[in-house]
Amino acid sequence: MANIKSAKKRILVNQTKAARNKAIKSGVKTSIKKVYAAIEANDKEAAAKALIFATKAIGKATSKGVYHKNTSSRKISRLACAVNKI
């Protein structure tokens, strides 16, 4: 454990930010799984709705700095391509 006060604070702040990032990433993964579940069920309408929700979740994660913009673009593109193939 750190002895210097500022180092102790950095540890606490990093833990808080890591927990926030983990929660955001988990939400994005869940929304992506919902899209793929709808695709597996061949439900185009549900997949389209889930795609909109997933796109918003990925966009929010990108704006908060959790994902790089190219990563989010790649994820959105792959999801849209998968939905369009139904």
PDB file of N, CA and C in Angstrom:
ATOM      1  N   MET A   1       0.850  -1.189   0.000  1.00  0.00           N
ATOM      2  CA  MET A   1       0.000   0.000   0.000  1.00  0.00           C
ATOM      3  C   MET A   1       0.885   1.238   0.000  1.00  0.00           C
ATOM      4  N   ALA A   2       0.416   2.256  -0.665  1.00  0.00           N
ATOM      5  CA  ALA A   2       1.181   3.495  -0.774  1.00  0.00           C
ATOM      6  C   ALA A   2       1.217   4.241   0.560  1.00  0.00           C
ATOM      7  N   ASN A   3       2.279   4.998   0.771  1.00  0.00           N
ATOM      8  CA  ASN A   3       2.424   5.793   1.994  1.00  0.00           C
ATOM      9  C   ASN A   3       2.063   7.256   1.766  1.00  0.00           C
ATOM     10  N   ILE A   4       2.279   7.750   0.567  1.00  0.00           N
ATOM     11  CA  ILE A   4       2.038   9.158   0.266  1.00  0.00           C
ATOM     12  C   ILE A   4       0.550   9.381   0.026  1.00  0.00           C
ATOM     13  N   LYS A   5       0.053  10.499   0.562  1.00  0.00           N
ATOM     14  CA  LYS A   5      -1.380  10.777   0.505  1.00  0.00           C
ATOM     15  C   LYS A   5      -1.906  10.847  -0.935  1.00  0.00           C
ATOM     16  N   SER A   6      -1.151  11.504  -1.811  1.00  0.00           N
ATOM     17  CA  SER A   6      -1.606  11.635  -3.197  1.00  0.00           C
ATOM     18  C   SER A   6      -1.635  10.273  -3.899  1.00  0.00           C
ATOM     19  N   ALA A   7      -0.707   9.393  -3.538  1.00  0.00           N
ATOM     20  CA  ALA A   7      -0.685   8.055  -4.136  1.00  0.00           C
ATOM     21  C   ALA A   7      -1.883   7.239  -3.662  1.00  0.00           C
ATOM     22  N   LYS A   8      -2.247   7.421  -2.383  1.00  0.00           N
ATOM     23  CA  LYS A   8      -3.430   6.736  -1.857  1.00  0.00           C
ATOM     24  C   LYS A   8      -4.685   7.204  -2.588  1.00  0.00           C
ATOM     25  N   LYS A   9      -4.759   8.502  -2.827  1.00  0.00           N
ATOM     26  CA  LYS A   9      -5.916   9.053  -3.530  1.00  0.00           C
ATOM     27  C   LYS A   9      -5.975   8.527  -4.963  1.00  0.00           C
ATOM     28  N   ARG A  10      -4.842   8.455  -5.641  1.00  0.00           N
ATOM     29  CA  ARG A  10      -4.806   7.942  -7.011  1.00  0.00           C
ATOM     30  C   ARG A  10      -5.333   6.510  -7.052  1.00  0.00           C
ATOM     31  N   ILE A  11      -4.965   5.704  -6.068  1.00  0.00           N
ATOM     32  CA  ILE A  11      -5.438   4.317  -6.009  1.00  0.00           C
ATOM     33  C   ILE A  11      -6.957   4.286  -5.897  1.00  0.00           C
ATOM     34  N   LEU A  12      -7.506   5.107  -5.017  1.00  0.00           N
ATOM     35  CA  LEU A  12      -8.959   5.140  -4.835  1.00  0.00           C
ATOM     36  C   LEU A  12      -9.679   5.635  -6.099  1.00  0.00           C
ATOM     37  N   VAL A  13      -9.134   6.679  -6.709  1.00  0.00           N
ATOM     38  CA  VAL A  13      -9.750   7.236  -7.914  1.00  0.00           C
ATOM     39  C   VAL A  13      -9.699   6.220  -9.051  1.00  0.00           C
ATOM     40  N   ASN A  14      -8.572   5.523  -9.181  1.00  0.00           N
ATOM     41  CA  ASN A  14      -8.443   4.522 -10.235  1.00  0.00           C
ATOM     42  C   ASN A  14      -9.413   3.370 -10.038  1.00  0.00           C
ATOM     43  N   GLN A  15      -9.622   2.969  -8.786  1.00  0.00           N
ATOM     44  CA  GLN A  15     -10.590   1.902  -8.503  1.00  0.00           C
ATOM     45  C   GLN A  15     -12.000   2.337  -8.888  1.00  0.00           C
ATOM     46  N   THR A  16     -12.338   3.578  -8.572  1.00  0.00           N
ATOM     47  CA  THR A  16     -13.664   4.107  -8.908  1.00  0.00           C
ATOM     48  C   THR A  16     -13.868   4.139 -10.419  1.00  0.00           C
ATOM     49  N   LYS A  17     -12.868   4.638 -11.135  1.00  0.00           N
ATOM     50  CA  LYS A  17     -12.973   4.725 -12.592  1.00  0.00           C
ATOM     51  C   LYS A  17     -13.018   3.341 -13.225  1.00  0.00           C
ATOM     52  N   ALA A  18     -12.250   2.396 -12.688  1.00  0.00           N
ATOM     53  CA  ALA A  18     -12.248   1.032 -13.229  1.00  0.00           C
ATOM     54  C   ALA A  18     -13.614   0.379 -13.047  1.00  0.00           C
ATOM     55  N   ALA A  19     -14.238   0.618 -11.895  1.00  0.00           N
ATOM     56  CA  ALA A  19     -15.569   0.052 -11.640  1.00  0.00           C
ATOM     57  C   ALA A  19     -16.598   0.645 -12.598  1.00  0.00           C
ATOM     58  N   ARG A  20     -16.513   1.946 -12.855  1.00  0.00           N
ATOM     59  CA  ARG A  20     -17.429   2.621 -13.775  1.00  0.00           C
ATOM     60  C   ARG A  20     -17.253   2.085 -15.191  1.00  0.00           C
ATOM     61  N   ASN A  21     -15.991   1.967 -15.623  1.00  0.00           N
ATOM     62  CA  ASN A  21     -15.719   1.456 -16.962  1.00  0.00           C
ATOM     63  C   ASN A  21     -16.209   0.021 -17.118  1.00  0.00           C
ATOM     64  N   LYS A  22     -16.024  -0.774 -16.061  1.00  0.00           N
ATOM     65  CA  LYS A  22     -16.449  -2.174 -16.106  1.00  0.00           C
ATOM     66  C   LYS A  22     -17.965  -2.270 -16.245  1.00  0.00           C
ATOM     67  N   ALA A  23     -18.689  -1.419 -15.522  1.00  0.00           N
ATOM     68  CA  ALA A  23     -20.151  -1.420 -15.594  1.00  0.00           C
ATOM     69  C   ALA A  23     -20.625  -1.011 -16.988  1.00  0.00           C
ATOM     70  N   ILE A  24     -19.985  -0.005 -17.566  1.00  0.00           N
ATOM     71  CA  ILE A  24     -20.364   0.456 -18.900  1.00  0.00           C
ATOM     72  C   ILE A  24     -20.092  -0.623 -19.941  1.00  0.00           C
ATOM     73  N   LYS A  25     -18.906  -1.253 -19.859  1.00  0.00           N
ATOM     74  CA  LYS A  25     -18.569  -2.321 -20.805  1.00  0.00           C
ATOM     75  C   LYS A  25     -19.521  -3.497 -20.680  1.00  0.00           C
ATOM     76  N   SER A  26     -19.906  -3.812 -19.461  1.00  0.00           N
ATOM     77  CA  SER A  26     -20.832  -4.911 -19.230  1.00  0.00           C
ATOM     78  C   SER A  26     -22.185  -4.623 -19.875  1.00  0.00           C
ATOM     79  N   GLY A  27     -22.648  -3.386 -19.751  1.00  0.00           N
ATOM     80  CA  GLY A  27     -23.910  -3.002 -20.368  1.00  0.00           C
ATOM     81  C   GLY A  27     -23.860  -3.093 -21.884  1.00  0.00           C
ATOM     82  N   VAL A  28     -22.736  -2.701 -22.459  1.00  0.00           N
ATOM     83  CA  VAL A  28     -22.571  -2.783 -23.905  1.00  0.00           C
ATOM     84  C   VAL A  28     -22.588  -4.243 -24.352  1.00  0.00           C
ATOM     85  N   LYS A  29     -21.875  -5.088 -23.626  1.00  0.00           N
ATOM     86  CA  LYS A  29     -21.835  -6.512 -23.980  1.00  0.00           C
ATOM     87  C   LYS A  29     -23.223  -7.139 -23.902  1.00  0.00           C
ATOM     88  N   THR A  30     -23.995  -6.756 -22.895  1.00  0.00           N
ATOM     89  CA  THR A  30     -25.353  -7.278 -22.752  1.00  0.00           C
ATOM     90  C   THR A  30     -26.221  -6.860 -23.926  1.00  0.00           C
ATOM     91  N   SER A  31     -26.117  -5.596 -24.331  1.00  0.00           N
ATOM     92  CA  SER A  31     -26.935  -5.123 -25.455  1.00  0.00           C
ATOM     93  C   SER A  31     -26.526  -5.808 -26.754  1.00  0.00           C
ATOM     94  N   ILE A  32     -25.239  -6.089 -26.917  1.00  0.00           N
ATOM     95  CA  ILE A  32     -24.775  -6.804 -28.108  1.00  0.00           C
ATOM     96  C   ILE A  32     -25.317  -8.232 -28.108  1.00  0.00           C
ATOM     97  N   LYS A  33     -25.318  -8.879 -26.947  1.00  0.00           N
ATOM     98  CA  LYS A  33     -25.848 -10.239 -26.851  1.00  0.00           C
ATOM     99  C   LYS A  33     -27.333 -10.282 -27.199  1.00  0.00           C
ATOM    100  N   LYS A  34     -28.063  -9.232 -26.834  1.00  0.00           N
ATOM    101  CA  LYS A  34     -29.490  -9.177 -27.161  1.00  0.00           C
ATOM    102  C   LYS A  34     -29.704  -9.099 -28.675  1.00  0.00           C
ATOM    103  N   VAL A  35     -28.821  -8.374 -29.358  1.00  0.00           N
ATOM    104  CA  VAL A  35     -28.928  -8.284 -30.813  1.00  0.00           C
ATOM    105  C   VAL A  35     -28.703  -9.663 -31.431  1.00  0.00           C
ATOM    106  N   TYR A  36     -27.637 -10.336 -30.988  1.00  0.00           N
ATOM    107  CA  TYR A  36     -27.335 -11.647 -31.547  1.00  0.00           C
ATOM    108  C   TYR A  36     -28.396 -12.683 -31.182  1.00  0.00           C
ATOM    109  N   ALA A  37     -29.002 -12.553 -30.022  1.00  0.00           N
ATOM    110  CA  ALA A  37     -30.090 -13.468 -29.642  1.00  0.00           C
ATOM    111  C   ALA A  37     -31.287 -13.288 -30.573  1.00  0.00           C
ATOM    112  N   ALA A  38     -31.611 -12.044 -30.908  1.00  0.00           N
ATOM    113  CA  ALA A  38     -32.712 -11.772 -31.833  1.00  0.00           C
ATOM    114  C   ALA A  38     -32.380 -12.287 -33.232  1.00  0.00           C
ATOM    115  N   ILE A  39     -31.107 -12.181 -33.618  1.00  0.00           N
ATOM    116  CA  ILE A  39     -30.687 -12.687 -34.929  1.00  0.00           C
ATOM    117  C   ILE A  39     -30.832 -14.212 -34.967  1.00  0.00           C
ATOM    118  N   GLU A  40     -30.423 -14.872 -33.897  1.00  0.00           N
ATOM    119  CA  GLU A  40     -30.540 -16.337 -33.827  1.00  0.00           C
ATOM    120  C   GLU A  40     -31.997 -16.784 -33.916  1.00  0.00           C
ATOM    121  N   ALA A  41     -32.893 -15.969 -33.367  1.00  0.00           N
ATOM    122  CA  ALA A  41     -34.321 -16.290 -33.390  1.00  0.00           C
ATOM    123  C   ALA A  41     -34.986 -15.873 -34.708  1.00  0.00           C
ATOM    124  N   ASN A  42     -34.199 -15.295 -35.625  1.00  0.00           N
ATOM    125  CA  ASN A  42     -34.707 -14.807 -36.918  1.00  0.00           C
ATOM    126  C   ASN A  42     -35.838 -13.800 -36.759  1.00  0.00           C
ATOM    127  N   ASP A  43     -35.728 -12.965 -35.727  1.00  0.00           N
ATOM    128  CA  ASP A  43     -36.734 -11.926 -35.475  1.00  0.00           C
ATOM    129  C   ASP A  43     -36.146 -10.586 -35.920  1.00  0.00           C
ATOM    130  N   LYS A  44     -36.442 -10.212 -37.156  1.00  0.00           N
ATOM    131  CA  LYS A  44     -35.828  -9.003 -37.734  1.00  0.00           C
ATOM    132  C   LYS A  44     -36.247  -7.739 -37.003  1.00  0.00           C
ATOM    133  N   GLU A  45     -37.504  -7.657 -36.597  1.00  0.00           N
ATOM    134  CA  GLU A  45     -37.989  -6.455 -35.911  1.00  0.00           C
ATOM    135  C   GLU A  45     -37.318  -6.281 -34.556  1.00  0.00           C
ATOM    136  N   ALA A  46     -37.241  -7.367 -33.796  1.00  0.00           N
ATOM    137  CA  ALA A  46     -36.580  -7.301 -32.486  1.00  0.00           C
ATOM    138  C   ALA A  46     -35.095  -7.014 -32.642  1.00  0.00           C
ATOM    139  N   ALA A  47     -34.485  -7.574 -33.669  1.00  0.00           N
ATOM    140  CA  ALA A  47     -33.054  -7.336 -33.909  1.00  0.00           C
ATOM    141  C   ALA A  47     -32.811  -5.873 -34.253  1.00  0.00           C
ATOM    142  N   ALA A  48     -33.707  -5.280 -35.034  1.00  0.00           N
ATOM    143  CA  ALA A  48     -33.547  -3.872 -35.405  1.00  0.00           C
ATOM    144  C   ALA A  48     -33.675  -2.968 -34.180  1.00  0.00           C
ATOM    145  N   LYS A  49     -34.643  -3.281 -33.307  1.00  0.00           N
ATOM    146  CA  LYS A  49     -34.799  -2.483 -32.077  1.00  0.00           C
ATOM    147  C   LYS A  49     -33.589  -2.649 -31.166  1.00  0.00           C
ATOM    148  N   ALA A  50     -33.117  -3.889 -31.038  1.00  0.00           N
ATOM    149  CA  ALA A  50     -31.948  -4.151 -30.195  1.00  0.00           C
ATOM    150  C   ALA A  50     -30.708  -3.482 -30.772  1.00  0.00           C
ATOM    151  N   LEU A  51     -30.637  -3.415 -32.096  1.00  0.00           N
ATOM    152  CA  LEU A  51     -29.497  -2.756 -32.748  1.00  0.00           C
ATOM    153  C   LEU A  51     -29.470  -1.271 -32.412  1.00  0.00           C
ATOM    154  N   ILE A  52     -30.622  -0.628 -32.425  1.00  0.00           N
ATOM    155  CA  ILE A  52     -30.695   0.797 -32.084  1.00  0.00           C
ATOM    156  C   ILE A  52     -30.231   1.021 -30.646  1.00  0.00           C
ATOM    157  N   PHE A  53     -30.709   0.169 -29.740  1.00  0.00           N
ATOM    158  CA  PHE A  53     -30.324   0.293 -28.334  1.00  0.00           C
ATOM    159  C   PHE A  53     -28.829   0.048 -28.153  1.00  0.00           C
ATOM    160  N   ALA A  54     -28.302  -0.974 -28.837  1.00  0.00           N
ATOM    161  CA  ALA A  54     -26.876  -1.297 -28.728  1.00  0.00           C
ATOM    162  C   ALA A  54     -26.017  -0.175 -29.297  1.00  0.00           C
ATOM    163  N   THR A  55     -26.462   0.416 -30.400  1.00  0.00           N
ATOM    164  CA  THR A  55     -25.715   1.510 -31.008  1.00  0.00           C
ATOM    165  C   THR A  55     -25.627   2.701 -30.053  1.00  0.00           C
ATOM    166  N   LYS A  56     -26.740   2.990 -29.379  1.00  0.00           N
ATOM    167  CA  LYS A  56     -26.729   4.088 -28.399  1.00  0.00           C
ATOM    168  C   LYS A  56     -25.780   3.776 -27.247  1.00  0.00           C
ATOM    169  N   ALA A  57     -25.812   2.537 -26.767  1.00  0.00           N
ATOM    170  CA  ALA A  57     -24.959   2.147 -25.646  1.00  0.00           C
ATOM    171  C   ALA A  57     -23.485   2.241 -26.025  1.00  0.00           C
ATOM    172  N   ILE A  58     -23.154   1.793 -27.224  1.00  0.00           N
ATOM    173  CA  ILE A  58     -21.764   1.854 -27.686  1.00  0.00           C
ATOM    174  C   ILE A  58     -21.336   3.310 -27.870  1.00  0.00           C
ATOM    175  N   GLY A  59     -22.219   4.129 -28.410  1.00  0.00           N
ATOM    176  CA  GLY A  59     -21.909   5.550 -28.593  1.00  0.00           C
ATOM    177  C   GLY A  59     -21.665   6.264 -27.282  1.00  0.00           C
ATOM    178  N   LYS A  60     -22.487   5.957 -26.282  1.00  0.00           N
ATOM    179  CA  LYS A  60     -22.293   6.564 -24.965  1.00  0.00           C
ATOM    180  C   LYS A  60     -20.972   6.127 -24.349  1.00  0.00           C
ATOM    181  N   ALA A  61     -20.648   4.840 -24.504  1.00  0.00           N
ATOM    182  CA  ALA A  61     -19.382   4.341 -23.965  1.00  0.00           C
ATOM    183  C   ALA A  61     -18.201   5.027 -24.633  1.00  0.00           C
ATOM    184  N   THR A  62     -18.326   5.289 -25.916  1.00  0.00           N
ATOM    185  CA  THR A  62     -17.254   5.970 -26.646  1.00  0.00           C
ATOM    186  C   THR A  62     -17.114   7.414 -26.179  1.00  0.00           C
ATOM    187  N   SER A  63     -18.242   8.082 -25.973  1.00  0.00           N
ATOM    188  CA  SER A  63     -18.180   9.479 -25.547  1.00  0.00           C
ATOM    189  C   SER A  63     -17.619   9.621 -24.143  1.00  0.00           C
ATOM    190  N   LYS A  64     -17.753   8.574 -23.332  1.00  0.00           N
ATOM    191  CA  LYS A  64     -17.210   8.616 -21.970  1.00  0.00           C
ATOM    192  C   LYS A  64     -15.764   8.146 -21.920  1.00  0.00           C
ATOM    193  N   GLY A  65     -15.224   7.732 -23.057  1.00  0.00           N
ATOM    194  CA  GLY A  65     -13.821   7.346 -23.116  1.00  0.00           C
ATOM    195  C   GLY A  65     -13.561   5.894 -22.770  1.00  0.00           C
ATOM    196  N   VAL A  66     -14.601   5.084 -22.714  1.00  0.00           N
ATOM    197  CA  VAL A  66     -14.409   3.671 -22.380  1.00  0.00           C
ATOM    198  C   VAL A  66     -13.896   2.915 -23.604  1.00  0.00           C
ATOM    199  N   TYR A  67     -14.433   3.243 -24.785  1.00  0.00           N
ATOM    200  CA  TYR A  67     -13.994   2.631 -26.034  1.00  0.00           C
ATOM    201  C   TYR A  67     -13.362   3.683 -26.933  1.00  0.00           C
ATOM    202  N   HIS A  68     -12.405   3.251 -27.740  1.00  0.00           N
ATOM    203  CA  HIS A  68     -11.834   4.108 -28.773  1.00  0.00           C
ATOM    204  C   HIS A  68     -12.862   4.233 -29.896  1.00  0.00           C
ATOM    205  N   LYS A  69     -12.830   5.338 -30.619  1.00  0.00           N
ATOM    206  CA  LYS A  69     -13.848   5.573 -31.647  1.00  0.00           C
ATOM    207  C   LYS A  69     -13.809   4.522 -32.753  1.00  0.00           C
ATOM    208  N   ASN A  70     -12.629   4.030 -33.087  1.00  0.00           N
ATOM    209  CA  ASN A  70     -12.540   3.000 -34.126  1.00  0.00           C
ATOM    210  C   ASN A  70     -13.116   1.670 -33.632  1.00  0.00           C
ATOM    211  N   THR A  71     -12.928   1.384 -32.363  1.00  0.00           N
ATOM    212  CA  THR A  71     -13.481   0.160 -31.785  1.00  0.00           C
ATOM    213  C   THR A  71     -15.000   0.205 -31.817  1.00  0.00           C
ATOM    214  N   SER A  72     -15.551   1.335 -31.443  1.00  0.00           N
ATOM    215  CA  SER A  72     -17.007   1.456 -31.441  1.00  0.00           C
ATOM    216  C   SER A  72     -17.560   1.392 -32.863  1.00  0.00           C
ATOM    217  N   SER A  73     -16.876   2.009 -33.808  1.00  0.00           N
ATOM    218  CA  SER A  73     -17.315   1.957 -35.201  1.00  0.00           C
ATOM    219  C   SER A  73     -17.302   0.526 -35.712  1.00  0.00           C
ATOM    220  N   ARG A  74     -16.277  -0.224 -35.353  1.00  0.00           N
ATOM    221  CA  ARG A  74     -16.160  -1.618 -35.771  1.00  0.00           C
ATOM    222  C   ARG A  74     -17.295  -2.452 -35.186  1.00  0.00           C
ATOM    223  N   LYS A  75     -17.579  -2.266 -33.903  1.00  0.00           N
ATOM    224  CA  LYS A  75     -18.646  -3.018 -33.250  1.00  0.00           C
ATOM    225  C   LYS A  75     -20.008  -2.714 -33.879  1.00  0.00           C
ATOM    226  N   ILE A  76     -20.281  -1.440 -34.098  1.00  0.00           N
ATOM    227  CA  ILE A  76     -21.558  -1.030 -34.684  1.00  0.00           C
ATOM    228  C   ILE A  76     -21.688  -1.578 -36.102  1.00  0.00           C
ATOM    229  N   SER A  77     -20.612  -1.508 -36.870  1.00  0.00           N
ATOM    230  CA  SER A  77     -20.630  -1.989 -38.248  1.00  0.00           C
ATOM    231  C   SER A  77     -20.907  -3.483 -38.300  1.00  0.00           C
ATOM    232  N   ARG A  78     -20.276  -4.244 -37.437  1.00  0.00           N
ATOM    233  CA  ARG A  78     -20.471  -5.688 -37.432  1.00  0.00           C
ATOM    234  C   ARG A  78     -21.902  -6.052 -37.029  1.00  0.00           C
ATOM    235  N   LEU A  79     -22.434  -5.324 -36.051  1.00  0.00           N
ATOM    236  CA  LEU A  79     -23.807  -5.584 -35.636  1.00  0.00           C
ATOM    237  C   LEU A  79     -24.785  -5.259 -36.769  1.00  0.00           C
ATOM    238  N   ALA A  80     -24.608  -4.109 -37.413  1.00  0.00           N
ATOM    239  CA  ALA A  80     -25.505  -3.706 -38.487  1.00  0.00           C
ATOM    240  C   ALA A  80     -25.444  -4.686 -39.642  1.00  0.00           C
ATOM    241  N   CYS A  81     -24.260  -5.145 -39.956  1.00  0.00           N
ATOM    242  CA  CYS A  81     -24.090  -6.121 -41.039  1.00  0.00           C
ATOM    243  C   CYS A  81     -24.801  -7.426 -40.700  1.00  0.00           C
ATOM    244  N   ALA A  82     -24.687  -7.857 -39.451  1.00  0.00           N
ATOM    245  CA  ALA A  82     -25.338  -9.091 -39.022  1.00  0.00           C
ATOM    246  C   ALA A  82     -26.858  -8.973 -39.082  1.00  0.00           C
ATOM    247  N   VAL A  83     -27.380  -7.808 -38.678  1.00  0.00           N
ATOM    248  CA  VAL A  83     -28.834  -7.596 -38.708  1.00  0.00           C
ATOM    249  C   VAL A  83     -29.339  -7.541 -40.143  1.00  0.00           C
ATOM    250  N   ASN A  84     -28.571  -6.915 -41.023  1.00  0.00           N
ATOM    251  CA  ASN A  84     -28.987  -6.791 -42.425  1.00  0.00           C
ATOM    252  C   ASN A  84     -28.977  -8.127 -43.158  1.00  0.00           C
ATOM    253  N   LYS A  85     -28.213  -9.095 -42.650  1.00  0.00           N
ATOM    254  CA  LYS A  85     -28.130 -10.406 -43.305  1.00  0.00           C
ATOM    255  C   LYS A  85     -29.361 -11.284 -43.054  1.00  0.00           C
ATOM    256  N   ILE A  86     -30.192 -10.899 -42.071  1.00  0.00           N
ATOM    257  CA  ILE A  86     -31.363 -11.728 -41.776  1.00  0.00           C
ATOM    258  C   ILE A  86     -32.316 -11.713 -42.964  1.00  0.00           C
TER     259      ILE A  86
END
